[in-house]
N, C-alpha and C. Protein backbone atom coordinates (compact mmCIF):
# COMPACT_ATOMS: atom_id res chain seq x y z
N MET A 1 89.64 78.52 111.65
CA MET A 1 89.97 78.29 110.27
C MET A 1 89.39 76.93 109.85
N GLU A 2 88.88 76.89 108.63
CA GLU A 2 88.25 75.66 108.14
C GLU A 2 89.25 74.54 107.97
N LYS A 3 88.73 73.31 108.06
CA LYS A 3 89.55 72.13 107.82
C LYS A 3 88.98 71.42 106.60
N PHE A 4 89.86 71.05 105.68
CA PHE A 4 89.44 70.41 104.44
C PHE A 4 89.97 69.00 104.37
N ASN A 5 89.13 68.11 103.84
CA ASN A 5 89.52 66.71 103.75
C ASN A 5 89.71 66.23 102.33
N SER A 6 89.35 67.06 101.35
CA SER A 6 89.49 66.63 99.96
C SER A 6 89.69 67.83 99.05
N ALA A 7 90.15 67.53 97.86
CA ALA A 7 90.32 68.59 96.85
C ALA A 7 88.98 69.22 96.51
N ASN A 8 87.91 68.41 96.45
CA ASN A 8 86.59 68.95 96.13
C ASN A 8 86.12 69.95 97.18
N GLU A 9 86.39 69.68 98.45
CA GLU A 9 86.03 70.63 99.51
C GLU A 9 86.78 71.95 99.32
N ILE A 10 88.05 71.86 98.96
CA ILE A 10 88.84 73.07 98.73
C ILE A 10 88.27 73.85 97.55
N LEU A 11 87.98 73.13 96.47
CA LEU A 11 87.45 73.80 95.27
C LEU A 11 86.09 74.43 95.55
N ASP A 12 85.25 73.73 96.33
CA ASP A 12 83.96 74.33 96.70
C ASP A 12 84.17 75.61 97.51
N PHE A 13 85.10 75.56 98.45
CA PHE A 13 85.42 76.73 99.26
C PHE A 13 85.93 77.87 98.38
N ALA A 14 86.84 77.55 97.46
CA ALA A 14 87.41 78.56 96.57
C ALA A 14 86.33 79.14 95.65
N MET A 15 85.44 78.29 95.13
CA MET A 15 84.36 78.79 94.26
C MET A 15 83.43 79.70 95.06
N ASN A 16 83.15 79.33 96.30
CA ASN A 16 82.32 80.18 97.15
C ASN A 16 83.01 81.53 97.40
N SER A 17 84.33 81.50 97.61
CA SER A 17 85.07 82.75 97.81
C SER A 17 85.03 83.63 96.57
N GLU A 18 85.14 83.00 95.41
CA GLU A 18 85.06 83.76 94.15
C GLU A 18 83.66 84.37 94.00
N GLN A 19 82.62 83.61 94.38
CA GLN A 19 81.26 84.14 94.29
C GLN A 19 81.08 85.31 95.26
N GLU A 20 81.67 85.21 96.43
CA GLU A 20 81.62 86.33 97.37
C GLU A 20 82.28 87.56 96.77
N ALA A 21 83.38 87.36 96.04
CA ALA A 21 84.05 88.49 95.39
C ALA A 21 83.16 89.07 94.29
N VAL A 22 82.49 88.20 93.52
CA VAL A 22 81.54 88.67 92.50
C VAL A 22 80.47 89.54 93.15
N ASP A 23 79.90 89.03 94.22
CA ASP A 23 78.84 89.76 94.93
C ASP A 23 79.36 91.09 95.49
N PHE A 24 80.57 91.06 96.03
CA PHE A 24 81.19 92.25 96.60
C PHE A 24 81.35 93.33 95.53
N TYR A 25 81.94 92.96 94.40
CA TYR A 25 82.17 93.94 93.34
C TYR A 25 80.86 94.41 92.71
N ASN A 26 79.90 93.51 92.57
CA ASN A 26 78.59 93.93 92.04
C ASN A 26 77.90 94.90 92.99
N GLN A 27 78.03 94.65 94.30
CA GLN A 27 77.43 95.56 95.28
C GLN A 27 78.10 96.93 95.19
N LEU A 28 79.43 96.95 95.09
CA LEU A 28 80.13 98.22 94.96
C LEU A 28 79.71 98.94 93.68
N ALA A 29 79.52 98.18 92.60
CA ALA A 29 79.08 98.79 91.33
C ALA A 29 77.71 99.41 91.49
N SER A 30 76.82 98.72 92.18
CA SER A 30 75.45 99.24 92.34
C SER A 30 75.42 100.49 93.21
N GLN A 31 76.41 100.64 94.09
CA GLN A 31 76.45 101.80 94.98
C GLN A 31 77.26 102.96 94.41
N ALA A 32 78.07 102.68 93.39
CA ALA A 32 78.95 103.72 92.85
C ALA A 32 78.15 104.85 92.22
N GLU A 33 78.56 106.05 92.53
CA GLU A 33 77.91 107.23 91.96
C GLU A 33 78.54 107.61 90.63
N ASN A 34 79.82 107.30 90.46
CA ASN A 34 80.55 107.61 89.24
C ASN A 34 80.38 106.46 88.24
N SER A 35 79.94 106.77 87.03
CA SER A 35 79.67 105.71 86.05
C SER A 35 80.93 104.96 85.63
N GLU A 36 82.08 105.63 85.63
CA GLU A 36 83.33 104.94 85.28
C GLU A 36 83.73 103.94 86.37
N ILE A 37 83.56 104.34 87.62
CA ILE A 37 83.87 103.43 88.72
C ILE A 37 82.90 102.25 88.71
N LYS A 38 81.64 102.53 88.43
CA LYS A 38 80.64 101.46 88.31
C LYS A 38 81.10 100.44 87.26
N LYS A 39 81.56 100.94 86.13
CA LYS A 39 82.03 100.08 85.04
C LYS A 39 83.23 99.24 85.48
N VAL A 40 84.16 99.86 86.20
CA VAL A 40 85.35 99.16 86.68
C VAL A 40 84.95 98.02 87.61
N PHE A 41 84.05 98.29 88.55
CA PHE A 41 83.63 97.24 89.48
C PHE A 41 82.90 96.11 88.75
N LEU A 42 82.12 96.44 87.74
CA LEU A 42 81.45 95.39 86.96
C LEU A 42 82.48 94.54 86.23
N GLN A 43 83.56 95.16 85.74
CA GLN A 43 84.63 94.39 85.10
C GLN A 43 85.32 93.47 86.12
N PHE A 44 85.57 94.00 87.33
CA PHE A 44 86.17 93.17 88.38
C PHE A 44 85.28 91.97 88.67
N ALA A 45 83.97 92.20 88.75
CA ALA A 45 83.02 91.12 89.02
C ALA A 45 83.09 90.07 87.92
N GLN A 46 83.17 90.50 86.67
CA GLN A 46 83.24 89.56 85.54
C GLN A 46 84.52 88.73 85.60
N GLU A 47 85.62 89.34 86.01
CA GLU A 47 86.86 88.58 86.16
C GLU A 47 86.71 87.49 87.21
N GLU A 48 86.05 87.82 88.30
CA GLU A 48 85.83 86.84 89.36
C GLU A 48 84.92 85.71 88.88
N VAL A 49 83.94 86.03 88.02
CA VAL A 49 83.08 84.99 87.42
C VAL A 49 83.96 84.03 86.62
N GLY A 50 84.92 84.57 85.89
CA GLY A 50 85.84 83.74 85.12
C GLY A 50 86.70 82.85 86.01
N HIS A 51 87.14 83.39 87.14
CA HIS A 51 87.94 82.59 88.07
C HIS A 51 87.11 81.44 88.63
N LYS A 52 85.86 81.74 88.97
CA LYS A 52 84.97 80.70 89.51
C LYS A 52 84.74 79.62 88.46
N ALA A 53 84.54 80.01 87.21
CA ALA A 53 84.32 79.04 86.13
C ALA A 53 85.54 78.14 85.94
N LYS A 54 86.72 78.71 86.08
CA LYS A 54 87.96 77.94 85.97
C LYS A 54 88.03 76.87 87.06
N LEU A 55 87.67 77.26 88.28
CA LEU A 55 87.67 76.32 89.40
C LEU A 55 86.61 75.23 89.20
N LYS A 56 85.45 75.61 88.70
CA LYS A 56 84.38 74.63 88.45
C LYS A 56 84.82 73.61 87.40
N LYS A 57 85.50 74.09 86.39
CA LYS A 57 85.99 73.18 85.34
C LYS A 57 86.99 72.19 85.93
N ILE A 58 87.86 72.68 86.79
CA ILE A 58 88.82 71.78 87.45
C ILE A 58 88.08 70.73 88.25
N LYS A 59 87.06 71.14 88.99
CA LYS A 59 86.30 70.21 89.82
C LYS A 59 85.54 69.20 88.94
N ASP A 60 84.86 69.69 87.91
CA ASP A 60 84.05 68.82 87.06
C ASP A 60 84.87 67.83 86.25
N GLU A 61 86.02 68.27 85.77
CA GLU A 61 86.84 67.41 84.91
C GLU A 61 87.87 66.62 85.69
N GLY A 62 88.05 66.99 86.96
CA GLY A 62 89.02 66.26 87.78
C GLY A 62 90.45 66.48 87.35
N VAL A 63 90.67 67.50 86.56
CA VAL A 63 92.02 67.78 86.08
C VAL A 63 92.51 69.05 86.75
N PHE A 64 93.55 68.88 87.53
CA PHE A 64 94.10 70.01 88.25
C PHE A 64 95.50 70.27 87.72
N GLU A 65 95.62 71.25 86.85
CA GLU A 65 96.92 71.57 86.27
C GLU A 65 97.20 73.05 86.41
N MET A 66 97.42 73.49 87.60
CA MET A 66 97.85 74.87 87.81
C MET A 66 99.33 74.79 88.11
N LYS A 67 100.12 75.33 87.22
CA LYS A 67 101.56 75.22 87.40
C LYS A 67 102.06 76.18 88.48
N GLN A 68 103.08 75.72 89.17
CA GLN A 68 103.71 76.55 90.18
C GLN A 68 104.54 77.60 89.46
N GLU A 69 104.45 78.82 89.88
CA GLU A 69 105.22 79.88 89.25
C GLU A 69 105.43 81.01 90.23
N GLU A 70 106.43 81.80 89.94
CA GLU A 70 106.70 82.99 90.74
C GLU A 70 105.90 84.15 90.15
N VAL A 71 105.23 84.89 91.00
CA VAL A 71 104.46 86.05 90.57
C VAL A 71 105.08 87.27 91.24
N ALA A 72 105.36 88.27 90.42
CA ALA A 72 105.94 89.50 90.97
C ALA A 72 104.99 90.11 91.99
N ASP A 73 105.57 90.74 92.98
CA ASP A 73 104.79 91.44 93.98
C ASP A 73 105.34 92.86 94.06
N LEU A 74 104.58 93.81 93.55
CA LEU A 74 105.01 95.20 93.59
C LEU A 74 104.89 95.78 95.00
N LYS A 75 104.18 95.09 95.87
CA LYS A 75 103.99 95.48 97.28
C LYS A 75 103.30 96.83 97.44
N ILE A 76 102.62 97.27 96.40
CA ILE A 76 101.91 98.55 96.49
C ILE A 76 100.83 98.46 97.56
N ALA A 77 100.16 97.33 97.63
CA ALA A 77 99.09 97.16 98.63
C ALA A 77 99.63 97.28 100.05
N ASP A 78 100.92 97.02 100.23
CA ASP A 78 101.52 97.13 101.56
C ASP A 78 101.73 98.58 102.00
N TYR A 79 101.74 99.49 101.04
CA TYR A 79 102.13 100.86 101.35
C TYR A 79 101.04 101.90 101.12
N VAL A 80 99.91 101.49 100.62
CA VAL A 80 98.82 102.46 100.44
C VAL A 80 97.89 102.38 101.64
N ALA A 81 97.29 103.50 101.96
CA ALA A 81 96.36 103.52 103.09
C ALA A 81 95.13 102.71 102.74
N LYS A 82 94.71 101.87 103.68
CA LYS A 82 93.49 101.07 103.45
C LYS A 82 92.33 102.01 103.21
N THR A 83 91.47 101.60 102.31
CA THR A 83 90.32 102.39 101.93
C THR A 83 89.07 101.58 102.16
N LYS A 84 88.06 102.19 102.71
CA LYS A 84 86.77 101.53 102.88
C LYS A 84 85.93 101.84 101.65
N PRO A 85 85.23 100.84 101.15
CA PRO A 85 84.37 101.09 99.99
C PRO A 85 83.31 102.14 100.32
N SER A 86 83.09 103.02 99.36
CA SER A 86 82.05 104.03 99.51
C SER A 86 81.47 104.36 98.14
N PRO A 87 80.24 104.84 98.09
CA PRO A 87 79.60 105.13 96.81
C PRO A 87 80.34 106.18 95.96
N ASP A 88 81.07 107.07 96.61
CA ASP A 88 81.72 108.14 95.85
C ASP A 88 83.24 107.97 95.75
N MET A 89 83.73 106.72 95.87
CA MET A 89 85.18 106.52 95.83
C MET A 89 85.73 106.79 94.43
N SER A 90 86.99 107.16 94.43
CA SER A 90 87.71 107.44 93.19
C SER A 90 88.23 106.13 92.59
N TYR A 91 88.75 106.22 91.37
CA TYR A 91 89.35 105.04 90.72
C TYR A 91 90.53 104.55 91.56
N GLU A 92 91.33 105.46 92.07
CA GLU A 92 92.45 105.09 92.93
C GLU A 92 91.97 104.30 94.14
N GLU A 93 90.94 104.79 94.79
CA GLU A 93 90.41 104.10 95.97
C GLU A 93 89.84 102.73 95.59
N ALA A 94 89.20 102.64 94.44
CA ALA A 94 88.66 101.36 93.97
C ALA A 94 89.78 100.34 93.78
N LEU A 95 90.89 100.79 93.22
CA LEU A 95 92.04 99.89 93.03
C LEU A 95 92.61 99.44 94.37
N VAL A 96 92.65 100.35 95.34
CA VAL A 96 93.17 99.99 96.66
C VAL A 96 92.26 98.94 97.32
N VAL A 97 90.96 99.13 97.21
CA VAL A 97 90.02 98.15 97.76
C VAL A 97 90.26 96.78 97.11
N ALA A 98 90.39 96.77 95.78
CA ALA A 98 90.59 95.51 95.05
C ALA A 98 91.92 94.86 95.43
N MET A 99 92.99 95.65 95.50
CA MET A 99 94.30 95.10 95.88
C MET A 99 94.23 94.43 97.25
N ASN A 100 93.60 95.11 98.19
CA ASN A 100 93.54 94.57 99.55
C ASN A 100 92.67 93.32 99.63
N LYS A 101 91.62 93.26 98.84
CA LYS A 101 90.77 92.07 98.81
C LYS A 101 91.56 90.86 98.29
N GLU A 102 92.31 91.07 97.21
CA GLU A 102 93.11 89.98 96.64
C GLU A 102 94.26 89.59 97.58
N LYS A 103 94.83 90.58 98.25
CA LYS A 103 95.91 90.29 99.20
C LYS A 103 95.38 89.41 100.34
N ALA A 104 94.19 89.72 100.83
CA ALA A 104 93.59 88.92 101.90
C ALA A 104 93.33 87.49 101.44
N ALA A 105 92.85 87.33 100.21
CA ALA A 105 92.61 85.98 99.67
C ALA A 105 93.93 85.21 99.55
N TYR A 106 94.98 85.89 99.10
CA TYR A 106 96.30 85.27 99.00
C TYR A 106 96.76 84.78 100.38
N LYS A 107 96.63 85.64 101.38
CA LYS A 107 97.05 85.27 102.74
C LYS A 107 96.25 84.08 103.26
N LEU A 108 94.96 84.05 102.97
CA LEU A 108 94.12 82.94 103.42
C LEU A 108 94.62 81.62 102.83
N TYR A 109 94.83 81.57 101.51
CA TYR A 109 95.27 80.32 100.89
C TYR A 109 96.68 79.93 101.32
N THR A 110 97.53 80.91 101.57
CA THR A 110 98.88 80.62 102.05
C THR A 110 98.82 79.99 103.44
N GLU A 111 97.96 80.54 104.29
CA GLU A 111 97.80 79.99 105.64
C GLU A 111 97.20 78.58 105.58
N LEU A 112 96.21 78.37 104.72
CA LEU A 112 95.62 77.04 104.58
C LEU A 112 96.65 76.03 104.06
N GLU A 113 97.51 76.47 103.16
CA GLU A 113 98.58 75.59 102.66
C GLU A 113 99.50 75.16 103.80
N LYS A 114 99.86 76.10 104.67
CA LYS A 114 100.73 75.78 105.81
C LYS A 114 100.09 74.76 106.73
N ARG A 115 98.77 74.84 106.89
CA ARG A 115 98.07 73.97 107.85
C ARG A 115 97.70 72.60 107.28
N ALA A 116 97.73 72.48 105.95
CA ALA A 116 97.34 71.21 105.32
C ALA A 116 98.41 70.15 105.55
N ASN A 117 97.95 68.93 105.81
CA ASN A 117 98.88 67.81 106.00
C ASN A 117 99.07 67.02 104.72
N ASP A 118 98.05 66.93 103.91
CA ASP A 118 98.09 66.18 102.67
C ASP A 118 98.85 66.96 101.60
N PRO A 119 99.86 66.33 100.96
CA PRO A 119 100.65 67.03 99.94
C PRO A 119 99.81 67.54 98.75
N GLU A 120 98.76 66.79 98.38
CA GLU A 120 97.91 67.22 97.27
C GLU A 120 97.11 68.46 97.66
N LEU A 121 96.62 68.50 98.89
CA LEU A 121 95.89 69.68 99.36
C LEU A 121 96.83 70.89 99.43
N LYS A 122 98.06 70.66 99.89
CA LYS A 122 99.05 71.74 99.93
C LYS A 122 99.26 72.32 98.53
N LYS A 123 99.35 71.43 97.56
CA LYS A 123 99.58 71.85 96.17
C LYS A 123 98.41 72.71 95.67
N ILE A 124 97.20 72.31 95.98
CA ILE A 124 96.02 73.06 95.54
C ILE A 124 95.99 74.44 96.20
N PHE A 125 96.23 74.48 97.52
CA PHE A 125 96.23 75.78 98.21
C PHE A 125 97.33 76.68 97.65
N SER A 126 98.48 76.12 97.37
CA SER A 126 99.58 76.89 96.81
C SER A 126 99.18 77.49 95.45
N ALA A 127 98.55 76.66 94.62
CA ALA A 127 98.12 77.14 93.30
C ALA A 127 97.06 78.23 93.42
N LEU A 128 96.14 78.07 94.36
CA LEU A 128 95.11 79.09 94.57
C LEU A 128 95.73 80.40 95.07
N ALA A 129 96.73 80.28 95.94
CA ALA A 129 97.42 81.47 96.43
C ALA A 129 98.11 82.19 95.27
N ILE A 130 98.72 81.43 94.37
CA ILE A 130 99.36 82.03 93.20
C ILE A 130 98.34 82.76 92.34
N GLU A 131 97.18 82.16 92.14
CA GLU A 131 96.13 82.82 91.35
C GLU A 131 95.73 84.15 91.98
N GLU A 132 95.57 84.15 93.30
CA GLU A 132 95.20 85.39 93.98
C GLU A 132 96.31 86.43 93.88
N SER A 133 97.56 85.98 93.94
CA SER A 133 98.66 86.94 93.81
C SER A 133 98.70 87.54 92.41
N LYS A 134 98.28 86.77 91.41
CA LYS A 134 98.18 87.31 90.04
C LYS A 134 97.10 88.39 89.97
N HIS A 135 95.99 88.14 90.64
CA HIS A 135 94.91 89.13 90.65
C HIS A 135 95.40 90.42 91.30
N LYS A 136 96.10 90.28 92.44
CA LYS A 136 96.62 91.46 93.13
C LYS A 136 97.61 92.19 92.26
N LEU A 137 98.47 91.45 91.57
CA LEU A 137 99.46 92.07 90.69
C LEU A 137 98.78 92.88 89.59
N ARG A 138 97.69 92.35 89.05
CA ARG A 138 96.97 93.08 88.01
C ARG A 138 96.51 94.44 88.53
N PHE A 139 95.96 94.47 89.74
CA PHE A 139 95.50 95.73 90.31
C PHE A 139 96.67 96.64 90.67
N GLU A 140 97.78 96.06 91.12
CA GLU A 140 98.96 96.87 91.43
C GLU A 140 99.53 97.51 90.17
N LEU A 141 99.57 96.75 89.08
CA LEU A 141 100.06 97.31 87.82
C LEU A 141 99.16 98.44 87.33
N GLU A 142 97.87 98.24 87.48
CA GLU A 142 96.91 99.27 87.10
C GLU A 142 97.12 100.52 87.96
N TYR A 143 97.33 100.32 89.25
CA TYR A 143 97.57 101.43 90.17
C TYR A 143 98.85 102.16 89.78
N ASP A 144 99.90 101.39 89.50
CA ASP A 144 101.17 101.97 89.10
C ASP A 144 101.02 102.79 87.81
N GLU A 145 100.30 102.24 86.87
CA GLU A 145 100.12 102.89 85.57
C GLU A 145 99.28 104.16 85.65
N TYR A 146 98.16 104.10 86.35
CA TYR A 146 97.21 105.20 86.31
C TYR A 146 97.20 106.12 87.52
N VAL A 147 97.82 105.72 88.60
CA VAL A 147 97.81 106.58 89.78
C VAL A 147 99.22 107.12 90.05
N MET A 148 100.18 106.24 90.18
CA MET A 148 101.53 106.67 90.55
C MET A 148 102.19 107.50 89.44
N ARG A 149 101.90 107.20 88.21
CA ARG A 149 102.50 107.95 87.11
C ARG A 149 101.93 109.34 86.99
N GLU A 150 100.72 109.52 87.48
CA GLU A 150 100.10 110.85 87.42
C GLU A 150 100.63 111.76 88.52
N ASN A 151 101.21 111.18 89.56
CA ASN A 151 101.68 111.99 90.70
C ASN A 151 103.13 112.34 90.58
């Protein structure tokens, strides 16, 4: 696991992670056979671009104001079968892939927060974990709305 010595190192790491998510969703979009799924993945990629821009602004302006908050966890990602990305995946499978990606990012930042010694670094990791949990919640709500209600 990486070791960070400053807020800027954390923000660089987080921006790189967001870029990896952009690339991941763009790759899935390019491989998708269904035009609606392609569109969904492109939207996911654009959201990640926005997250990266938010982190860059924090780094450039030196203003870190992410408030601590409780984010609901529907725990849907805990109970759905993991899905591997594939060109012919359904909307349901796309949501499962996205939920699990955000869940993994949340776990990473939570673990980094536990390992950080500096209180300011802990605060940043905590805020990043909250952001990732919000992303996961968005996908869980979408899953609940469009998949679970249909069944």
